Amino acid sequence: MAKESVIARAKKKPKYKSRVVRRCFRCGRKRGFMRDFHLCRICFRELANEGMLPGIKKSSW
């Protein structure tokens, strides 16, 4: 879980466009971020396993 100050800093508009830090809106993690869902890989997996993300199902082949 990221500190509140770090999350607040990431929400501010950066001076340069390349400095944007995308963070998971649930836990604040910046690594393993999925842009389509605005979630990190860990939160994505938890929500997908619970069936909270429509259209997502576990793959098997």
N, C-alpha and C. Protein backbone atom coordinates (compact mmCIF):
# COMPACT_ATOMS: atom_id res chain seq x y z
N MET A 1 0.84 -1.18 0.00
CA MET A 1 0.00 0.00 0.00
C MET A 1 0.88 1.24 0.00
N ALA A 2 0.65 2.12 -0.94
CA ALA A 2 1.44 3.34 -1.04
C ALA A 2 0.99 4.36 0.00
N LYS A 3 1.93 5.22 0.41
CA LYS A 3 1.60 6.27 1.37
C LYS A 3 0.65 7.28 0.73
N GLU A 4 -0.15 7.92 1.55
CA GLU A 4 -1.12 8.90 1.06
C GLU A 4 -0.43 10.07 0.38
N SER A 5 0.74 10.48 0.88
CA SER A 5 1.45 11.61 0.28
C SER A 5 1.94 11.26 -1.13
N VAL A 6 2.35 10.01 -1.33
CA VAL A 6 2.83 9.59 -2.65
C VAL A 6 1.67 9.53 -3.64
N ILE A 7 0.52 9.06 -3.18
CA ILE A 7 -0.67 9.00 -4.03
C ILE A 7 -1.12 10.41 -4.40
N ALA A 8 -1.10 11.32 -3.44
CA ALA A 8 -1.50 12.70 -3.69
C ALA A 8 -0.57 13.37 -4.69
N ARG A 9 0.73 13.09 -4.58
CA ARG A 9 1.71 13.65 -5.51
C ARG A 9 1.47 13.15 -6.93
N ALA A 10 1.08 11.89 -7.07
CA ALA A 10 0.84 11.30 -8.39
C ALA A 10 -0.42 11.88 -9.04
N LYS A 11 -1.37 12.33 -8.24
CA LYS A 11 -2.61 12.90 -8.78
C LYS A 11 -2.42 14.30 -9.34
N LYS A 12 -1.40 15.03 -8.86
CA LYS A 12 -1.15 16.38 -9.34
C LYS A 12 -0.68 16.37 -10.79
N LYS A 13 -1.00 17.42 -11.52
CA LYS A 13 -0.57 17.51 -12.91
C LYS A 13 0.93 17.76 -12.94
N PRO A 14 1.69 16.92 -13.69
CA PRO A 14 3.15 17.09 -13.72
C PRO A 14 3.58 18.25 -14.60
N LYS A 15 4.78 18.72 -14.37
CA LYS A 15 5.34 19.81 -15.16
C LYS A 15 5.53 19.38 -16.61
N TYR A 16 5.94 18.13 -16.81
CA TYR A 16 6.14 17.58 -18.15
C TYR A 16 5.28 16.33 -18.31
N LYS A 17 4.79 16.12 -19.52
CA LYS A 17 3.88 15.01 -19.79
C LYS A 17 4.53 13.65 -19.54
N SER A 18 5.82 13.55 -19.74
CA SER A 18 6.51 12.27 -19.57
C SER A 18 6.68 11.87 -18.09
N ARG A 19 6.36 12.77 -17.19
CA ARG A 19 6.50 12.48 -15.76
C ARG A 19 5.23 11.93 -15.12
N VAL A 20 4.22 11.64 -15.93
CA VAL A 20 2.97 11.11 -15.40
C VAL A 20 3.23 9.76 -14.75
N VAL A 21 2.72 9.58 -13.54
CA VAL A 21 2.83 8.30 -12.83
C VAL A 21 1.42 7.75 -12.70
N ARG A 22 1.18 6.62 -13.35
CA ARG A 22 -0.14 6.00 -13.27
C ARG A 22 -0.13 5.02 -12.10
N ARG A 23 -1.13 5.14 -11.24
CA ARG A 23 -1.21 4.30 -10.06
C ARG A 23 -2.57 3.62 -9.98
N CYS A 24 -2.57 2.48 -9.37
CA CYS A 24 -3.80 1.72 -9.12
C CYS A 24 -4.70 2.57 -8.22
N PHE A 25 -5.97 2.72 -8.61
CA PHE A 25 -6.86 3.55 -7.81
C PHE A 25 -7.27 2.86 -6.52
N ARG A 26 -7.05 1.56 -6.45
CA ARG A 26 -7.44 0.80 -5.27
C ARG A 26 -6.37 0.80 -4.19
N CYS A 27 -5.12 0.52 -4.58
CA CYS A 27 -4.07 0.38 -3.57
C CYS A 27 -2.93 1.39 -3.74
N GLY A 28 -2.82 2.04 -4.90
CA GLY A 28 -1.78 3.04 -5.11
C GLY A 28 -0.50 2.50 -5.71
N ARG A 29 -0.47 1.21 -6.04
CA ARG A 29 0.73 0.60 -6.61
C ARG A 29 0.99 1.15 -8.01
N LYS A 30 2.27 1.39 -8.34
CA LYS A 30 2.59 1.94 -9.66
C LYS A 30 3.19 0.91 -10.61
N ARG A 31 3.73 -0.17 -10.07
CA ARG A 31 4.31 -1.21 -10.93
C ARG A 31 3.26 -2.27 -11.25
N GLY A 32 3.31 -2.80 -12.44
CA GLY A 32 2.33 -3.81 -12.84
C GLY A 32 0.96 -3.21 -13.09
N PHE A 33 0.93 -1.99 -13.62
CA PHE A 33 -0.32 -1.25 -13.83
C PHE A 33 -0.93 -1.61 -15.17
N MET A 34 -2.24 -1.82 -15.20
CA MET A 34 -2.97 -2.09 -16.43
C MET A 34 -3.82 -0.88 -16.76
N ARG A 35 -3.50 -0.23 -17.89
CA ARG A 35 -4.18 1.00 -18.25
C ARG A 35 -5.66 0.80 -18.53
N ASP A 36 -6.01 -0.32 -19.14
CA ASP A 36 -7.41 -0.55 -19.50
C ASP A 36 -8.33 -0.57 -18.30
N PHE A 37 -7.82 -1.02 -17.17
CA PHE A 37 -8.65 -1.17 -15.98
C PHE A 37 -8.28 -0.20 -14.87
N HIS A 38 -7.18 0.52 -14.99
CA HIS A 38 -6.67 1.43 -13.95
C HIS A 38 -6.42 0.68 -12.65
N LEU A 39 -5.93 -0.57 -12.79
CA LEU A 39 -5.65 -1.42 -11.63
C LEU A 39 -4.25 -2.01 -11.77
N CYS A 40 -3.65 -2.36 -10.64
CA CYS A 40 -2.40 -3.10 -10.68
C CYS A 40 -2.74 -4.58 -10.90
N ARG A 41 -1.73 -5.37 -11.18
CA ARG A 41 -1.95 -6.79 -11.49
C ARG A 41 -2.55 -7.55 -10.32
N ILE A 42 -2.19 -7.16 -9.11
CA ILE A 42 -2.68 -7.86 -7.92
C ILE A 42 -4.17 -7.58 -7.70
N CYS A 43 -4.55 -6.32 -7.75
CA CYS A 43 -5.95 -5.96 -7.58
C CYS A 43 -6.79 -6.49 -8.73
N PHE A 44 -6.24 -6.48 -9.95
CA PHE A 44 -6.94 -7.02 -11.10
C PHE A 44 -7.28 -8.48 -10.88
N ARG A 45 -6.30 -9.25 -10.41
CA ARG A 45 -6.52 -10.68 -10.20
C ARG A 45 -7.56 -10.93 -9.11
N GLU A 46 -7.49 -10.17 -8.02
CA GLU A 46 -8.45 -10.33 -6.94
C GLU A 46 -9.88 -10.06 -7.42
N LEU A 47 -10.06 -8.95 -8.14
CA LEU A 47 -11.40 -8.60 -8.62
C LEU A 47 -11.89 -9.56 -9.69
N ALA A 48 -10.99 -10.03 -10.56
CA ALA A 48 -11.37 -10.96 -11.61
C ALA A 48 -11.81 -12.30 -11.01
N ASN A 49 -11.10 -12.77 -10.00
CA ASN A 49 -11.46 -14.03 -9.36
C ASN A 49 -12.80 -13.95 -8.62
N GLU A 50 -13.12 -12.77 -8.12
CA GLU A 50 -14.41 -12.56 -7.44
C GLU A 50 -15.55 -12.35 -8.42
N GLY A 51 -15.22 -12.12 -9.71
CA GLY A 51 -16.24 -11.88 -10.72
C GLY A 51 -16.73 -10.45 -10.76
N MET A 52 -15.93 -9.53 -10.24
CA MET A 52 -16.32 -8.13 -10.18
C MET A 52 -16.02 -7.37 -11.47
N LEU A 53 -15.20 -7.93 -12.35
CA LEU A 53 -14.87 -7.28 -13.63
C LEU A 53 -15.67 -7.96 -14.73
N PRO A 54 -16.64 -7.27 -15.33
CA PRO A 54 -17.45 -7.90 -16.36
C PRO A 54 -16.64 -8.23 -17.61
N GLY A 55 -16.88 -9.40 -18.17
CA GLY A 55 -16.21 -9.82 -19.39
C GLY A 55 -14.86 -10.48 -19.17
N ILE A 56 -14.42 -10.62 -17.95
CA ILE A 56 -13.13 -11.24 -17.65
C ILE A 56 -13.38 -12.62 -17.07
N LYS A 57 -12.72 -13.62 -17.65
CA LYS A 57 -12.81 -14.97 -17.10
C LYS A 57 -11.45 -15.61 -17.17
N LYS A 58 -11.20 -16.55 -16.28
CA LYS A 58 -9.92 -17.22 -16.22
C LYS A 58 -9.75 -18.09 -17.45
N SER A 59 -8.58 -18.00 -18.06
CA SER A 59 -8.35 -18.76 -19.29
C SER A 59 -7.86 -20.17 -18.96
N SER A 60 -8.21 -21.09 -19.81
CA SER A 60 -7.71 -22.45 -19.70
C SER A 60 -7.71 -23.07 -21.10
N TRP A 61 -6.68 -23.80 -21.41
CA TRP A 61 -6.60 -24.42 -22.74
C TRP A 61 -5.92 -25.76 -22.66
